[in-house]
Amino acid sequence: MIRMSEAHARMHLRQHVTQEDADMAIRVLLESFISTQKFGVQKALQKVYKDNSESASELCKVLIFLGIILFLFWYSLFIYILL
């Protein structure tokens, strides 16, 4: 996200990253993640994303929530494989 924010700032010929650059990086990351999901999950995530798309802090909360879900999924899969 840092590199994407910096690249967006450079595209606009700025030396420093602004809130707009960080918001763009979060949007791209979230939309990319959502587009890789199965159809049912994708639709549910798009609904959550549309409800929270107005501010970067809300998007960060969604990303943290998705990260926790992914962690729990991979952890349970790992435990299942070990047993």
Protein backbone atom coordinates (compact mmCIF):
# COMPACT_ATOMS: atom_id res chain seq x y z
CA MET A 1 0.00 0.00 0.00
CA ILE A 2 2.88 2.33 0.74
CA ARG A 3 4.40 1.81 -2.69
CA MET A 4 1.05 2.26 -4.40
CA SER A 5 0.46 5.48 -2.48
CA GLU A 6 3.91 6.76 -3.40
CA ALA A 7 3.41 5.83 -7.06
CA HIS A 8 0.07 7.64 -7.14
CA ALA A 9 1.69 10.74 -5.66
CA ARG A 10 4.47 10.59 -8.28
CA MET A 11 1.89 10.27 -11.07
CA HIS A 12 0.47 13.58 -9.88
CA LEU A 13 3.99 15.05 -9.69
CA ARG A 14 3.96 15.38 -5.91
CA GLN A 15 6.93 14.76 -3.62
CA HIS A 16 4.81 13.68 -0.65
CA VAL A 17 1.95 11.24 -0.21
CA THR A 18 -1.42 12.77 0.63
CA GLN A 19 -4.60 11.32 2.10
CA GLU A 20 -5.97 11.02 -1.46
CA ASP A 21 -3.04 8.78 -2.42
CA ALA A 22 -3.54 6.54 0.59
CA ASP A 23 -7.28 6.32 -0.07
CA MET A 24 -6.62 5.31 -3.67
CA ALA A 25 -4.20 2.57 -2.57
CA ILE A 26 -6.74 1.21 -0.09
CA ARG A 27 -9.49 1.27 -2.73
CA VAL A 28 -7.33 -0.57 -5.27
CA LEU A 29 -6.21 -3.17 -2.73
CA LEU A 30 -9.75 -3.80 -1.50
CA GLU A 31 -11.27 -3.98 -4.99
CA SER A 32 -8.51 -6.34 -6.09
CA PHE A 33 -9.10 -8.59 -3.08
CA ILE A 34 -12.86 -8.62 -3.62
CA SER A 35 -12.50 -9.46 -7.32
CA THR A 36 -10.54 -12.64 -6.49
CA GLN A 37 -13.30 -14.13 -4.32
CA LYS A 38 -16.00 -16.62 -5.26
CA PHE A 39 -19.23 -15.12 -6.55
CA GLY A 40 -21.26 -15.35 -3.33
CA VAL A 41 -18.45 -14.01 -1.16
CA GLN A 42 -17.71 -11.34 -3.76
CA LYS A 43 -21.27 -10.01 -3.67
CA ALA A 44 -21.33 -9.93 0.14
CA LEU A 45 -17.99 -8.10 0.27
CA GLN A 46 -19.11 -5.63 -2.40
CA LYS A 47 -22.14 -4.81 -0.26
CA VAL A 48 -19.93 -4.19 2.78
CA TYR A 49 -17.52 -2.15 0.64
CA LYS A 50 -20.30 0.03 -0.81
CA ASP A 51 -21.69 0.67 2.68
CA ASN A 52 -18.25 1.79 3.95
CA SER A 53 -16.69 3.37 0.88
CA GLU A 54 -16.93 6.99 2.02
CA SER A 55 -13.89 7.11 4.26
CA ALA A 56 -10.45 5.54 4.43
CA SER A 57 -10.78 4.72 8.12
CA GLU A 58 -13.88 2.67 7.41
CA LEU A 59 -12.04 0.89 4.60
CA CYS A 60 -9.21 0.12 6.99
CA LYS A 61 -11.70 -1.43 9.38
CA VAL A 62 -13.05 -3.59 6.56
CA LEU A 63 -9.51 -4.65 5.60
CA ILE A 64 -8.72 -5.57 9.20
CA PHE A 65 -11.95 -7.56 9.42
CA LEU A 66 -11.13 -9.39 6.17
CA GLY A 67 -7.62 -10.09 7.42
CA ILE A 68 -8.97 -11.64 10.59
CA ILE A 69 -11.38 -13.81 8.60
CA LEU A 70 -8.58 -14.96 6.30
CA PHE A 71 -6.33 -15.71 9.25
CA LEU A 72 -9.02 -17.78 10.94
CA PHE A 73 -9.70 -19.65 7.70
CA TRP A 74 -6.05 -20.52 7.09
CA TYR A 75 -5.51 -21.37 10.76
CA SER A 76 -8.47 -23.76 10.80
CA LEU A 77 -7.30 -25.31 7.51
CA PHE A 78 -3.81 -25.77 8.95
CA ILE A 79 -5.20 -27.43 12.09
CA TYR A 80 -7.44 -29.67 9.97
CA ILE A 81 -4.48 -30.81 7.88
CA LEU A 82 -2.39 -31.56 10.98
CA LEU A 83 -5.13 -33.67 12.56
